[in-house]
């Protein structure tokens, strides 16, 4: 039902239209077309537009919910989605975990299957006439590009490189529960014309990565199966389409997790409620349910252990946070009587805090409850535990790391500009 404006751009597999009723946004319309070798091979594949749109929408939703800044706004139809209008930076960023494909041709002597730790980042200048040559960071900086009012310098290049690695690692982690290996990934960035910031843009679909079920290249489900065709026949295209459909069906599972978890905050007194509510609020940012309970290990140890048993008995993985001021018996008692993780988060007072904290730090032998004074730190500790088996929580943690790094990088740039 959207009113379409003029066509902003058209690529091999998509068209971009202005949206007069939504200033600052565009419509990304996919095509039923598949290409390889800079369109040296090109075929119509019925249904590819819908498959591509489903894949891109799910991937961008996953990344956006994790905290990655993207141009994606919402899925509009089976074959189109709405995005923020960006001026695209003409660089394809590639992140590789496993050496294969063009990397082997450019680096003779490296065997296929070589693994990169950390993932290897490469960039390619978008120039079909010259077959998208590989560029260095120095070339990109010296090009002095300016898009959306933002000059691409060292800070912007560093942000895109660091973001590329984080995005790859989030998607890699997200595919692991389905026993699929993300081999490599190609992405593009743009400058949001309204906010003037660099965001992940364009699309991420089955043309953008190599995906090997069980880590087995012979089972590849990505566009490489089309590139490898010796002859394009209707039967061969159907095989390629089935691979794309396989990915589109499973990509929706990236937005879900079978792993459950919760945080239970035990406070020794209702006077500590405001401190505990900060923990609950921080847990919510990671998508972790949090319950608050009142119990005193000194005044009612039997009730404390009964509450502990209540949460041990339903099989849901739980992290206990003990909030007790003055003499903290709550954390040590819990730690000594449960195999679940326990973390102390005492609400210290200005008068006696330096003395009180020792009841959380000096523990009897055989106890393993760490202490953090920050309510947000307690929530992050729990998230790091759940993130081991929950890719959605892990994605939020990884995104937080990236965004903290970016904010420091931008603050440094701003300070240097003011000084100059």
Protein backbone atom coordinates (compact mmCIF):
# COMPACT_ATOMS: atom_id res chain seq x y z
CA UNK A 1 0.00 0.00 0.00
CA UNK A 2 3.01 2.29 0.10
CA UNK A 3 3.28 5.07 -2.43
CA UNK A 4 6.51 4.61 -4.35
CA UNK A 5 8.63 7.54 -5.47
CA UNK A 6 11.40 7.55 -8.02
CA UNK A 7 13.84 4.69 -8.37
CA UNK A 8 16.98 5.61 -6.43
CA UNK A 9 19.14 2.72 -7.56
CA UNK A 10 19.01 -0.65 -9.26
CA UNK A 11 21.44 -3.52 -8.79
CA UNK A 12 21.70 -7.03 -10.12
CA UNK A 13 19.28 -8.45 -7.56
CA UNK A 14 17.30 -5.51 -6.16
CA UNK A 15 15.74 -2.11 -6.80
CA UNK A 16 15.59 0.84 -4.40
CA UNK A 17 12.68 3.30 -4.37
CA UNK A 18 12.03 6.54 -2.52
CA UNK A 19 9.01 6.62 -0.18
CA UNK A 20 7.37 10.09 -0.37
CA UNK A 21 5.19 9.37 2.68
CA UNK A 22 8.18 8.19 4.75
CA UNK A 23 10.95 10.82 4.52
CA UNK A 24 14.36 9.36 5.15
CA UNK A 25 13.27 5.84 4.17
CA UNK A 26 13.43 3.73 1.03
CA UNK A 27 11.88 0.50 -0.20
CA UNK A 28 14.30 -2.35 -0.99
CA UNK A 29 12.62 -4.53 -3.62
CA UNK A 30 14.25 -7.89 -4.38
CA UNK A 31 14.30 -9.49 -7.84
CA UNK A 32 13.86 -13.09 -8.98
CA UNK A 33 17.38 -13.05 -10.34
CA UNK A 34 20.56 -14.89 -9.41
CA UNK A 35 23.99 -13.90 -10.68
CA UNK A 36 27.63 -14.91 -10.37
CA UNK A 37 30.94 -13.49 -11.55
CA UNK A 38 29.71 -9.88 -11.65
CA UNK A 39 26.70 -11.01 -13.69
CA UNK A 40 28.80 -12.97 -16.20
CA UNK A 41 26.31 -15.69 -15.32
CA UNK A 42 22.75 -14.51 -14.81
CA UNK A 43 19.48 -16.43 -14.55
CA UNK A 44 15.92 -15.92 -13.43
CA UNK A 45 15.02 -18.06 -10.42
CA UNK A 46 11.31 -17.97 -9.66
CA UNK A 47 10.69 -17.20 -5.99
CA UNK A 48 14.21 -15.96 -5.21
CA UNK A 49 12.96 -12.45 -4.33
CA UNK A 50 10.77 -13.80 -1.52
CA UNK A 51 13.52 -16.14 -0.30
CA UNK A 52 16.06 -13.31 -0.25
CA UNK A 53 13.68 -10.93 1.51
CA UNK A 54 12.85 -13.49 4.21
CA UNK A 55 16.52 -14.21 4.83
CA UNK A 56 17.55 -10.55 4.96
CA UNK A 57 14.64 -9.53 7.20
CA UNK A 58 15.37 -12.27 9.75
CA UNK A 59 19.11 -11.59 9.81
CA UNK A 60 18.69 -7.83 10.20
CA UNK A 61 16.06 -8.32 12.90
CA UNK A 62 18.45 -10.58 14.81
CA UNK A 63 21.29 -8.07 14.57
CA UNK A 64 19.08 -5.09 15.39
CA UNK A 65 17.63 -6.75 18.49
CA UNK A 66 21.17 -7.57 19.59
CA UNK A 67 22.06 -3.88 19.39
CA UNK A 68 23.83 -3.58 16.03
CA UNK A 69 22.95 -0.35 14.21
CA UNK A 70 21.36 -1.23 10.86
CA UNK A 71 19.36 0.49 8.12
CA UNK A 72 16.56 -2.08 8.43
CA UNK A 73 13.16 -0.73 9.52
CA UNK A 74 10.66 -3.52 8.86
CA UNK A 75 9.60 -6.18 6.41
CA UNK A 76 6.98 -4.66 4.10
CA UNK A 77 5.90 -7.54 1.85
CA UNK A 78 7.00 -10.97 0.71
CA UNK A 79 9.59 -9.43 -1.59
CA UNK A 80 10.44 -6.02 -0.08
CA UNK A 81 11.48 -4.32 3.14
CA UNK A 82 11.72 -0.72 4.32
CA UNK A 83 15.13 0.69 5.22
CA UNK A 84 16.63 3.98 6.28
CA UNK A 85 17.90 5.93 3.30
CA UNK A 86 21.68 5.60 3.24
CA UNK A 87 24.44 6.83 1.01
CA UNK A 88 26.32 3.59 0.41
CA UNK A 89 30.07 3.31 0.96
CA UNK A 90 31.36 1.42 -2.12
CA UNK A 91 33.26 -1.22 -0.18
CA UNK A 92 32.40 -4.88 0.32
CA UNK A 93 33.67 -6.02 3.71
CA UNK A 94 34.44 -9.73 3.90
CA UNK A 95 35.02 -11.67 7.11
CA UNK A 96 36.42 -15.21 6.88
CA UNK A 97 36.67 -17.99 9.43
CA UNK A 98 37.76 -20.66 6.93
CA UNK A 99 40.03 -20.22 3.90
CA UNK A 100 38.21 -21.13 0.71
CA UNK A 101 37.11 -19.62 -2.60
CA UNK A 102 38.90 -16.55 -3.93
CA UNK A 103 41.17 -16.34 -0.88
CA UNK A 104 42.97 -19.49 -2.00
CA UNK A 105 43.52 -18.08 -5.49
CA UNK A 106 44.97 -14.86 -4.08
CA UNK A 107 47.08 -16.66 -1.49
CA UNK A 108 48.66 -19.74 -3.12
CA UNK A 109 50.09 -22.19 -0.64
CA UNK A 110 47.25 -21.80 1.87
CA UNK A 111 45.26 -25.02 2.09
CA UNK A 112 41.49 -25.00 1.95
CA UNK A 113 40.05 -25.32 5.43
CA UNK A 114 42.72 -23.20 7.15
CA UNK A 115 41.00 -21.45 10.07
CA UNK A 116 41.55 -17.84 11.03
CA UNK A 117 41.69 -16.86 14.72
CA UNK A 118 40.47 -14.14 14.96
CA UNK A 119 38.40 -14.06 11.77
CA UNK A 120 40.19 -12.48 8.83
CA UNK A 121 38.88 -9.15 7.52
CA UNK A 122 39.28 -8.11 3.87
CA UNK A 123 37.79 -5.29 1.81
CA UNK A 124 37.02 -4.96 -1.88
CA UNK A 125 36.25 -1.78 -3.83
CA UNK A 126 32.97 -2.08 -5.75
CA UNK A 127 34.04 -1.70 -9.36
CA UNK A 128 32.50 -4.20 -11.77
CA UNK A 129 34.71 -3.06 -14.65
CA UNK A 130 37.81 -4.05 -12.69
CA UNK A 131 36.25 -7.11 -11.03
CA UNK A 132 36.00 -5.55 -7.53
CA UNK A 133 39.72 -5.22 -6.66
CA UNK A 134 40.93 -5.85 -3.15
CA UNK A 135 41.77 -2.68 -1.25
CA UNK A 136 43.83 -1.88 1.81
CA UNK A 137 42.81 0.39 4.69
CA UNK A 138 45.32 2.93 3.40
CA UNK A 139 43.66 3.04 -0.02
CA UNK A 140 40.25 3.57 1.55
CA UNK A 141 41.52 6.39 3.76
CA UNK A 142 43.41 8.06 0.93
CA UNK A 143 40.29 7.95 -1.28
CA UNK A 144 38.83 10.62 1.05
CA UNK A 145 35.27 9.50 0.39
CA UNK A 146 32.45 11.65 1.76
CA UNK A 147 28.94 10.20 2.04
CA UNK A 148 25.94 11.73 3.76
CA UNK A 149 28.15 14.56 5.01
CA UNK A 150 30.56 12.13 6.72
CA UNK A 151 34.18 11.94 5.56
CA UNK A 152 35.56 8.41 5.69
CA UNK A 153 38.80 8.58 7.67
CA UNK A 154 40.73 6.32 10.00
CA UNK A 155 38.04 6.34 12.70
CA UNK A 156 35.29 5.34 10.25
CA UNK A 157 37.43 2.59 8.70
CA UNK A 158 38.22 1.20 12.16
CA UNK A 159 34.53 1.25 13.10
CA UNK A 160 33.54 -0.66 9.95
CA UNK A 161 36.32 -3.21 10.41
CA UNK A 162 35.46 -3.82 14.08
CA UNK A 163 31.73 -3.98 13.25
CA UNK A 164 32.33 -6.50 10.46
CA UNK A 165 34.02 -8.89 12.87
CA UNK A 166 31.30 -8.49 15.51
CA UNK A 167 28.50 -9.04 12.97
CA UNK A 168 30.21 -12.16 11.64
CA UNK A 169 30.73 -13.59 15.14
CA UNK A 170 27.08 -12.97 16.10
CA UNK A 171 25.82 -14.76 12.97
CA UNK A 172 28.40 -17.52 13.38
CA UNK A 173 27.24 -18.13 16.95
CA UNK A 174 23.59 -17.99 15.85
CA UNK A 175 24.02 -20.74 13.25
CA UNK A 176 25.86 -23.10 15.61
CA UNK A 177 22.74 -24.47 17.38
CA UNK A 178 21.62 -25.75 13.96
CA UNK A 179 25.01 -27.41 13.40
CA UNK A 180 25.78 -25.04 10.53
CA UNK A 181 29.20 -23.49 9.98
CA UNK A 182 29.31 -19.90 8.80
CA UNK A 183 32.42 -19.98 6.62
CA UNK A 184 32.56 -16.34 5.52
CA UNK A 185 30.36 -13.27 5.17
CA UNK A 186 30.12 -10.26 2.84
CA UNK A 187 28.45 -7.05 4.05
CA UNK A 188 28.20 -3.35 3.16
CA UNK A 189 27.83 -0.17 5.18
CA UNK A 190 26.14 3.12 4.43
CA UNK A 191 25.79 6.54 6.03
CA UNK A 192 22.27 7.23 7.28
CA UNK A 193 21.30 10.51 5.59
CA UNK A 194 19.31 11.65 8.65
CA UNK A 195 21.56 10.59 11.54
CA UNK A 196 24.89 10.92 9.68
CA UNK A 197 26.15 7.70 11.25
CA UNK A 198 27.57 4.54 9.74
CA UNK A 199 25.11 1.64 9.80
CA UNK A 200 24.97 -1.86 8.37
CA UNK A 201 23.00 -1.54 5.13
CA UNK A 202 22.13 -3.26 1.83
CA UNK A 203 21.11 -6.93 2.37
CA UNK A 204 22.40 -10.09 4.01
CA UNK A 205 20.91 -13.05 2.20
CA UNK A 206 22.06 -16.38 0.80
CA UNK A 207 24.24 -14.53 -1.72
CA UNK A 208 26.18 -12.96 1.18
CA UNK A 209 27.77 -15.96 2.88
CA UNK A 210 29.02 -19.51 2.65
CA UNK A 211 27.07 -21.87 4.88
CA UNK A 212 28.14 -25.49 5.39
CA UNK A 213 25.86 -27.83 7.38
CA UNK A 214 27.96 -29.98 9.72
CA UNK A 215 31.00 -28.06 8.50
CA UNK A 216 30.93 -30.14 5.29
CA UNK A 217 31.55 -28.22 2.07
CA UNK A 218 29.85 -30.93 0.00
CA UNK A 219 26.58 -29.99 1.75
CA UNK A 220 26.89 -26.26 0.97
CA UNK A 221 23.55 -24.42 0.90
CA UNK A 222 24.67 -20.99 -0.34
CA UNK A 223 25.18 -19.37 -3.75
CA UNK A 224 28.37 -21.32 -4.29
CA UNK A 225 26.19 -24.22 -5.43
CA UNK A 226 25.13 -21.94 -8.33
CA UNK A 227 28.68 -20.77 -9.06
CA UNK A 228 29.86 -24.38 -9.25
CA UNK A 229 27.36 -25.39 -11.93
CA UNK A 230 29.09 -26.51 -15.12
CA UNK A 231 25.85 -25.96 -17.00
CA UNK A 232 22.73 -24.11 -15.92
CA UNK A 233 19.74 -26.34 -16.61
CA UNK A 234 16.19 -26.15 -15.21
CA UNK A 235 17.00 -29.15 -13.01
CA UNK A 236 20.19 -27.53 -11.76
CA UNK A 237 18.36 -24.29 -10.94
CA UNK A 238 15.79 -26.27 -8.96
CA UNK A 239 18.60 -27.78 -6.92
CA UNK A 240 19.97 -24.31 -6.21
CA UNK A 241 16.51 -23.06 -5.31
CA UNK A 242 16.02 -25.93 -2.85
CA UNK A 243 19.27 -24.90 -1.14
CA UNK A 244 18.04 -21.31 -0.85
CA UNK A 245 14.69 -22.49 0.52
CA UNK A 246 16.50 -24.68 3.07
CA UNK A 247 18.29 -21.58 4.38
CA UNK A 248 15.15 -19.40 4.36
CA UNK A 249 13.28 -22.00 6.43
CA UNK A 250 16.01 -22.22 9.03
CA UNK A 251 17.00 -18.57 9.20
CA UNK A 252 13.81 -17.83 11.15
CA UNK A 253 15.14 -20.11 13.89
CA UNK A 254 17.98 -17.63 14.43
CA UNK A 255 15.43 -15.45 16.22
CA UNK A 256 14.64 -18.18 18.75
CA UNK A 257 16.49 -20.20 21.35
CA UNK A 258 15.69 -23.44 23.14
CA UNK A 259 17.83 -22.43 26.09
CA UNK A 260 16.01 -21.01 29.12
CA UNK A 261 17.45 -19.12 32.03
CA UNK A 262 16.55 -16.71 34.81
CA UNK A 263 18.07 -14.61 37.53
CA UNK A 264 16.70 -14.80 41.07
CA UNK A 265 17.67 -11.88 43.27
CA UNK A 266 17.53 -12.63 46.98
CA UNK A 267 17.53 -9.55 49.22
CA UNK A 268 18.08 -9.71 52.94
CA UNK A 269 15.69 -6.82 53.59
CA UNK A 270 13.00 -4.98 51.59
CA UNK A 271 15.03 -1.81 52.23
CA UNK A 272 17.37 -3.09 49.48
CA UNK A 273 14.58 -3.09 46.87
CA UNK A 274 15.84 -0.11 44.84
CA UNK A 275 19.26 -1.77 44.49
CA UNK A 276 17.62 -5.02 43.35
CA UNK A 277 15.38 -3.28 40.84
CA UNK A 278 18.50 -1.99 39.11
CA UNK A 279 19.64 -5.61 38.68
CA UNK A 280 16.25 -6.57 37.26
CA UNK A 281 16.29 -3.66 34.83
CA UNK A 282 19.77 -4.59 33.63
CA UNK A 283 18.72 -8.22 33.17
CA UNK A 284 15.87 -7.05 30.93
CA UNK A 285 18.37 -5.48 28.51
CA UNK A 286 19.74 -8.98 27.90
CA UNK A 287 16.28 -10.53 27.63
CA UNK A 288 16.76 -12.48 30.87
CA UNK A 289 13.76 -12.97 33.21
CA UNK A 290 14.44 -11.82 36.75
CA UNK A 291 12.55 -12.48 40.00
CA UNK A 292 12.96 -10.64 43.30
CA UNK A 293 12.60 -12.41 46.68
CA UNK A 294 13.09 -11.38 50.30
CA UNK A 295 14.83 -13.77 52.69
CA UNK A 296 17.43 -13.55 55.46
CA UNK A 297 20.05 -16.27 55.90
CA UNK A 298 20.65 -15.03 59.45
CA UNK A 299 17.04 -14.72 60.64
CA UNK A 300 15.41 -17.45 58.59
CA UNK A 301 17.95 -19.91 57.15
CA UNK A 302 15.30 -22.61 56.74
CA UNK A 303 13.19 -20.31 54.53
CA UNK A 304 16.26 -19.28 52.51
CA UNK A 305 17.04 -22.92 51.74
CA UNK A 306 13.37 -23.62 50.95
CA UNK A 307 13.34 -20.82 48.39
CA UNK A 308 16.59 -22.17 46.94
CA UNK A 309 15.04 -25.64 46.56
CA UNK A 310 12.00 -24.13 44.87
CA UNK A 311 14.13 -22.82 42.02
CA UNK A 312 16.31 -25.90 41.83
CA UNK A 313 13.33 -28.15 41.43
CA UNK A 314 11.83 -26.95 38.13
CA UNK A 315 14.90 -27.54 35.96
CA UNK A 316 15.29 -23.96 34.67
CA UNK A 317 18.96 -22.82 34.73
CA UNK A 318 19.22 -20.15 37.41
CA UNK A 319 21.77 -17.63 38.62
CA UNK A 320 21.23 -16.41 42.19
CA UNK A 321 22.22 -12.87 43.14
CA UNK A 322 22.60 -12.28 46.89
CA UNK A 323 21.90 -8.71 48.01
CA UNK A 324 22.71 -8.23 51.68
CA UNK A 325 24.34 -5.33 53.46
CA UNK A 326 26.22 -5.24 56.76
CA UNK A 327 27.11 -8.88 57.43
CA UNK A 328 26.45 -10.82 54.23
CA UNK A 329 25.51 -14.36 55.21
CA UNK A 330 23.09 -14.75 52.29
CA UNK A 331 25.62 -15.27 49.50
CA UNK A 332 27.89 -17.71 51.36
CA UNK A 333 24.95 -19.76 52.65
CA UNK A 334 23.49 -20.02 49.14
CA UNK A 335 26.87 -20.85 47.60
CA UNK A 336 27.51 -23.59 50.13
CA UNK A 337 24.15 -25.25 49.50
CA UNK A 338 23.58 -25.10 45.73
CA UNK A 339 25.43 -26.12 42.60
CA UNK A 340 23.91 -23.15 40.77
CA UNK A 341 26.02 -19.97 40.32
CA UNK A 342 25.75 -17.37 43.07
CA UNK A 343 27.07 -13.81 42.91
CA UNK A 344 27.19 -11.30 45.75
CA UNK A 345 26.03 -7.76 45.02
CA UNK A 346 25.97 -5.99 48.40
CA UNK A 347 24.37 -2.51 48.69
CA UNK A 348 27.18 -0.76 50.53
CA UNK A 349 26.57 2.32 52.67
CA UNK A 350 28.87 5.33 52.76
CA UNK A 351 29.44 4.97 56.51
CA UNK A 352 30.32 1.30 56.89
CA UNK A 353 30.77 0.07 53.32
CA UNK A 354 34.51 -0.46 53.52
CA UNK A 355 34.06 -2.71 56.56
CA UNK A 356 30.88 -4.48 55.42
CA UNK A 357 32.28 -5.57 52.05
CA UNK A 358 34.68 -7.99 53.69
CA UNK A 359 31.78 -10.28 54.62
CA UNK A 360 31.29 -10.78 50.87
CA UNK A 361 34.98 -11.06 50.01
CA UNK A 362 36.42 -13.20 52.84
CA UNK A 363 34.58 -16.50 52.49
CA UNK A 364 35.10 -19.94 54.06
CA UNK A 365 36.91 -22.49 51.93
CA UNK A 366 34.83 -24.44 49.43
CA UNK A 367 32.64 -21.49 48.44
CA UNK A 368 32.76 -19.91 44.99
CA UNK A 369 30.52 -16.85 44.92
CA UNK A 370 32.21 -13.80 43.38
CA UNK A 371 31.34 -10.25 44.41
CA UNK A 372 30.45 -7.26 42.27
CA UNK A 373 29.35 -3.92 43.65
CA UNK A 374 27.55 -2.84 40.50
CA UNK A 375 23.95 -3.98 39.94
CA UNK A 376 24.57 -3.82 36.19
CA UNK A 377 27.71 -5.90 36.69
CA UNK A 378 25.73 -8.62 38.46
CA UNK A 379 23.31 -8.78 35.54
CA UNK A 380 26.18 -8.95 33.06
CA UNK A 381 27.80 -11.77 35.03
CA UNK A 382 24.56 -13.76 34.74
CA UNK A 383 24.27 -12.93 31.03
CA UNK A 384 27.80 -14.21 30.37
CA UNK A 385 26.84 -17.53 31.97
CA UNK A 386 23.62 -17.89 29.98
CA UNK A 387 25.36 -16.68 26.82
CA UNK A 388 27.39 -19.89 26.73
CA UNK A 389 24.26 -21.74 25.58
CA UNK A 390 21.96 -18.94 24.41
CA UNK A 391 23.05 -17.21 21.20
CA UNK A 392 20.54 -14.38 21.65
CA UNK A 393 22.02 -13.37 25.01
CA UNK A 394 25.54 -13.82 23.63
CA UNK A 395 24.68 -11.56 20.68
CA UNK A 396 23.62 -8.77 23.04
CA UNK A 397 26.85 -9.11 25.02
CA UNK A 398 28.94 -9.03 21.84
CA UNK A 399 27.03 -6.03 20.53
CA UNK A 400 27.51 -4.18 23.83
CA UNK A 401 31.26 -4.71 23.53
CA UNK A 402 31.22 -3.28 20.01
CA UNK A 403 29.06 -0.26 20.87
CA UNK A 404 31.22 0.61 23.89
CA UNK A 405 34.32 0.47 21.70
CA UNK A 406 32.67 2.63 19.02
CA UNK A 407 31.54 5.26 21.54
CA UNK A 408 35.10 5.57 22.88
CA UNK A 409 36.49 5.79 19.35
CA UNK A 410 34.06 8.55 18.42
CA UNK A 411 34.69 10.42 21.67
CA UNK A 412 38.43 10.37 20.97
CA UNK A 413 37.87 11.70 17.44
CA UNK A 414 35.63 14.49 18.74
CA UNK A 415 38.15 15.47 21.40
CA UNK A 416 41.01 15.60 18.87
CA UNK A 417 38.91 17.72 16.51
CA UNK A 418 38.14 20.17 19.31
CA UNK A 419 41.82 20.33 20.27
CA UNK A 420 42.88 20.97 16.69
